[in-house]
Amino acid sequence: MGSPISGITAEIFLHHLEQSHVKFLLDSKYINFYARYADDILIIYEASRTNLDAMTQYAGSINHSLQFNPTMESYDRINFLDLSITRNSPPQLEIGIFRKPTTTDTTIHYLSNHPIEHKLAASDTTLRGC
């Protein structure tokens, strides 16, 4: 962290990890779906083929420097990239904005020294969440 090339190095490492380990898990059907954006990963797996503990243990054995903080689906809802994805009946996905329990719902003051784009994005996000 802190180096200008750290992001590129992390991306190269994660791409290598995906090619050498995740591709095998997808091909062998241990996991059904894998998506990653930066350091957020969404994995959907068949509970009859594997479980969270086995996947976490496997991931930890690949490289001891990696830390995984899995979050399970709860009440048919998963959170990924600040989106809240809900599984409804009949089968369809409902996507909304995910708000962490620690959200304060404060915005950037208009007279602050932040770029106008940040101020507009903050107010736009607040309005869409209503």
C-alpha atoms as a PDB file:
ATOM      1  CA  MET A   1       0.000   0.000   0.000  1.00  0.00           C
ATOM      2  CA  GLY A   2       1.130   3.526  -0.662  1.00  0.00           C
ATOM      3  CA  SER A   3       3.195   2.712  -3.732  1.00  0.00           C
ATOM      4  CA  PRO A   4       1.925   3.897  -7.127  1.00  0.00           C
ATOM      5  CA  ILE A   5       2.250   0.354  -8.480  1.00  0.00           C
ATOM      6  CA  SER A   6       0.554  -1.432  -5.566  1.00  0.00           C
ATOM      7  CA  GLY A   7      -2.842  -1.480  -7.318  1.00  0.00           C
ATOM      8  CA  ILE A   8      -1.357  -2.932 -10.486  1.00  0.00           C
ATOM      9  CA  THR A   9       0.627  -5.508  -8.508  1.00  0.00           C
ATOM     10  CA  ALA A  10      -2.489  -6.555  -6.574  1.00  0.00           C
ATOM     11  CA  GLU A  11      -4.489  -6.850  -9.811  1.00  0.00           C
ATOM     12  CA  ILE A  12      -1.784  -9.034 -11.422  1.00  0.00           C
ATOM     13  CA  PHE A  13      -1.632 -11.254  -8.340  1.00  0.00           C
ATOM     14  CA  LEU A  14      -5.418 -11.651  -8.141  1.00  0.00           C
ATOM     15  CA  HIS A  15      -5.626 -12.425 -11.861  1.00  0.00           C
ATOM     16  CA  HIS A  16      -2.978 -15.135 -11.410  1.00  0.00           C
ATOM     17  CA  LEU A  17      -4.884 -16.477  -8.397  1.00  0.00           C
ATOM     18  CA  GLU A  18      -8.096 -16.631 -10.431  1.00  0.00           C
ATOM     19  CA  GLN A  19      -6.401 -18.472 -13.305  1.00  0.00           C
ATOM     20  CA  SER A  20      -4.589 -20.976 -11.092  1.00  0.00           C
ATOM     21  CA  HIS A  21      -7.245 -21.667  -8.421  1.00  0.00           C
ATOM     22  CA  VAL A  22     -10.671 -20.160  -9.114  1.00  0.00           C
ATOM     23  CA  LYS A  23     -10.862 -21.520 -12.669  1.00  0.00           C
ATOM     24  CA  PHE A  24     -10.378 -25.042 -11.271  1.00  0.00           C
ATOM     25  CA  LEU A  25     -13.163 -24.510  -8.718  1.00  0.00           C
ATOM     26  CA  LEU A  26     -15.533 -23.283 -11.436  1.00  0.00           C
ATOM     27  CA  ASP A  27     -14.633 -26.121 -13.826  1.00  0.00           C
ATOM     28  CA  SER A  28     -15.078 -28.755 -11.111  1.00  0.00           C
ATOM     29  CA  LYS A  29     -18.425 -27.198 -10.061  1.00  0.00           C
ATOM     30  CA  TYR A  30     -17.342 -26.519  -6.464  1.00  0.00           C
ATOM     31  CA  ILE A  31     -18.523 -22.973  -7.078  1.00  0.00           C
ATOM     32  CA  ASN A  32     -21.255 -21.940  -9.526  1.00  0.00           C
ATOM     33  CA  PHE A  33     -20.490 -18.243  -9.940  1.00  0.00           C
ATOM     34  CA  TYR A  34     -17.514 -15.984  -9.282  1.00  0.00           C
ATOM     35  CA  ALA A  35     -17.305 -12.218  -9.773  1.00  0.00           C
ATOM     36  CA  ARG A  36     -14.700  -9.766  -8.533  1.00  0.00           C
ATOM     37  CA  TYR A  37     -14.431  -5.996  -8.636  1.00  0.00           C
ATOM     38  CA  ALA A  38     -11.209  -4.683  -7.072  1.00  0.00           C
ATOM     39  CA  ASP A  39     -11.126  -6.540  -3.735  1.00  0.00           C
ATOM     40  CA  ASP A  40     -14.843  -7.373  -3.464  1.00  0.00           C
ATOM     41  CA  ILE A  41     -15.629 -10.945  -4.456  1.00  0.00           C
ATOM     42  CA  LEU A  42     -19.023 -12.592  -4.912  1.00  0.00           C
ATOM     43  CA  ILE A  43     -19.103 -16.392  -4.902  1.00  0.00           C
ATOM     44  CA  ILE A  44     -22.226 -18.503  -5.318  1.00  0.00           C
ATOM     45  CA  TYR A  45     -21.796 -22.175  -4.514  1.00  0.00           C
ATOM     46  CA  GLU A  46     -23.853 -25.317  -4.146  1.00  0.00           C
ATOM     47  CA  ALA A  47     -24.081 -26.170  -0.436  1.00  0.00           C
ATOM     48  CA  SER A  48     -24.208 -29.911  -1.244  1.00  0.00           C
ATOM     49  CA  ARG A  49     -20.748 -29.710  -2.927  1.00  0.00           C
ATOM     50  CA  THR A  50     -18.847 -27.483  -0.490  1.00  0.00           C
ATOM     51  CA  ASN A  51     -19.286 -25.148   2.470  1.00  0.00           C
ATOM     52  CA  LEU A  52     -18.022 -21.799   3.697  1.00  0.00           C
ATOM     53  CA  ASP A  53     -15.498 -23.259   6.140  1.00  0.00           C
ATOM     54  CA  ALA A  54     -13.919 -25.453   3.451  1.00  0.00           C
ATOM     55  CA  MET A  55     -13.667 -22.532   1.010  1.00  0.00           C
ATOM     56  CA  THR A  56     -12.200 -20.209   3.650  1.00  0.00           C
ATOM     57  CA  GLN A  57      -9.654 -22.853   4.671  1.00  0.00           C
ATOM     58  CA  TYR A  58      -8.727 -23.483   1.026  1.00  0.00           C
ATOM     59  CA  ALA A  59      -8.343 -19.764   0.328  1.00  0.00           C
ATOM     60  CA  GLY A  60      -6.146 -19.349   3.402  1.00  0.00           C
ATOM     61  CA  SER A  61      -3.910 -22.218   2.290  1.00  0.00           C
ATOM     62  CA  ILE A  62      -3.210 -20.558  -1.085  1.00  0.00           C
ATOM     63  CA  ASN A  63      -1.329 -17.621   0.422  1.00  0.00           C
ATOM     64  CA  HIS A  64      -1.022 -16.873   4.121  1.00  0.00           C
ATOM     65  CA  SER A  65      -0.877 -13.107   3.476  1.00  0.00           C
ATOM     66  CA  LEU A  66      -4.438 -13.038   2.126  1.00  0.00           C
ATOM     67  CA  GLN A  67      -7.299 -12.311   4.493  1.00  0.00           C
ATOM     68  CA  PHE A  68     -10.857 -13.346   3.705  1.00  0.00           C
ATOM     69  CA  ASN A  69     -13.850 -11.910   5.534  1.00  0.00           C
ATOM     70  CA  PRO A  70     -16.830 -13.861   4.210  1.00  0.00           C
ATOM     71  CA  THR A  71     -20.339 -12.516   4.544  1.00  0.00           C
ATOM     72  CA  MET A  72     -23.142 -15.009   4.128  1.00  0.00           C
ATOM     73  CA  GLU A  73     -26.542 -14.463   2.582  1.00  0.00           C
ATOM     74  CA  SER A  74     -29.134 -13.622   5.214  1.00  0.00           C
ATOM     75  CA  TYR A  75     -32.904 -13.371   4.719  1.00  0.00           C
ATOM     76  CA  ASP A  76     -32.394 -14.058   0.984  1.00  0.00           C
ATOM     77  CA  ARG A  77     -30.202 -10.946   0.698  1.00  0.00           C
ATOM     78  CA  ILE A  78     -26.538 -10.483  -0.190  1.00  0.00           C
ATOM     79  CA  ASN A  79     -24.477  -7.312  -0.247  1.00  0.00           C
ATOM     80  CA  PHE A  80     -21.889  -6.740  -2.984  1.00  0.00           C
ATOM     81  CA  LEU A  81     -20.323  -3.462  -4.146  1.00  0.00           C
ATOM     82  CA  ASP A  82     -22.681  -1.368  -2.024  1.00  0.00           C
ATOM     83  CA  LEU A  83     -25.659  -3.072  -3.678  1.00  0.00           C
ATOM     84  CA  SER A  84     -28.236  -5.060  -1.800  1.00  0.00           C
ATOM     85  CA  ILE A  85     -29.460  -7.959  -3.923  1.00  0.00           C
ATOM     86  CA  THR A  86     -32.680  -9.630  -2.781  1.00  0.00           C
ATOM     87  CA  ARG A  87     -34.082 -12.901  -4.073  1.00  0.00           C
ATOM     88  CA  ASN A  88     -37.877 -12.672  -4.367  1.00  0.00           C
ATOM     89  CA  SER A  89     -40.659 -15.081  -5.139  1.00  0.00           C
ATOM     90  CA  PRO A  90     -41.417 -15.586  -8.036  1.00  0.00           C
ATOM     91  CA  PRO A  91     -37.659 -15.853  -8.796  1.00  0.00           C
ATOM     92  CA  GLN A  92     -36.316 -12.416  -9.630  1.00  0.00           C
ATOM     93  CA  LEU A  93     -33.565 -10.197  -8.278  1.00  0.00           C
ATOM     94  CA  GLU A  94     -34.223  -6.837  -6.682  1.00  0.00           C
ATOM     95  CA  ILE A  95     -31.190  -4.536  -6.527  1.00  0.00           C
ATOM     96  CA  GLY A  96     -30.953  -1.553  -4.196  1.00  0.00           C
ATOM     97  CA  ILE A  97     -28.337   0.533  -2.390  1.00  0.00           C
ATOM     98  CA  PHE A  98     -26.726  -1.220   0.566  1.00  0.00           C
ATOM     99  CA  ARG A  99     -26.319   0.883   3.697  1.00  0.00           C
ATOM    100  CA  LYS A 100     -23.982  -0.407   6.386  1.00  0.00           C
ATOM    101  CA  PRO A 101     -25.396  -0.452   9.927  1.00  0.00           C
ATOM    102  CA  THR A 102     -22.888   2.280  10.826  1.00  0.00           C
ATOM    103  CA  THR A 103     -24.185   4.705   8.172  1.00  0.00           C
ATOM    104  CA  THR A 104     -24.684   8.200   9.595  1.00  0.00           C
ATOM    105  CA  ASP A 105     -26.592   9.582   6.588  1.00  0.00           C
ATOM    106  CA  THR A 106     -24.574  12.793   6.686  1.00  0.00           C
ATOM    107  CA  THR A 107     -23.610  14.554   3.486  1.00  0.00           C
ATOM    108  CA  ILE A 108     -20.867  16.891   2.437  1.00  0.00           C
ATOM    109  CA  HIS A 109     -21.692  20.500   3.312  1.00  0.00           C
ATOM    110  CA  TYR A 110     -22.262  22.537   0.155  1.00  0.00           C
ATOM    111  CA  LEU A 111     -19.821  25.270   1.216  1.00  0.00           C
ATOM    112  CA  SER A 112     -17.010  22.781   1.918  1.00  0.00           C
ATOM    113  CA  ASN A 113     -13.870  22.622  -0.181  1.00  0.00           C
ATOM    114  CA  HIS A 114     -14.818  19.367  -1.948  1.00  0.00           C
ATOM    115  CA  PRO A 115     -15.213  19.114  -5.735  1.00  0.00           C
ATOM    116  CA  ILE A 116     -18.762  19.826  -6.938  1.00  0.00           C
ATOM    117  CA  GLU A 117     -18.930  16.282  -8.391  1.00  0.00           C
ATOM    118  CA  HIS A 118     -18.527  14.806  -4.888  1.00  0.00           C
ATOM    119  CA  LYS A 119     -21.208  17.083  -3.461  1.00  0.00           C
ATOM    120  CA  LEU A 120     -23.656  16.184  -6.228  1.00  0.00           C
ATOM    121  CA  ALA A 121     -22.904  12.458  -5.914  1.00  0.00           C
ATOM    122  CA  ALA A 122     -23.501  12.590  -2.157  1.00  0.00           C
ATOM    123  CA  SER A 123     -26.865  14.301  -2.545  1.00  0.00           C
ATOM    124  CA  ASP A 124     -27.844  12.060  -5.467  1.00  0.00           C
ATOM    125  CA  THR A 125     -27.097   8.921  -3.426  1.00  0.00           C
ATOM    126  CA  THR A 126     -29.110  10.280  -0.511  1.00  0.00           C
ATOM    127  CA  LEU A 127     -32.113  11.055  -2.726  1.00  0.00           C
ATOM    128  CA  ARG A 128     -32.027   7.643  -4.452  1.00  0.00           C
ATOM    129  CA  GLY A 129     -31.979   5.900  -1.095  1.00  0.00           C
ATOM    130  CA  CYS A 130     -35.332   7.407  -0.153  1.00  0.00           C
END
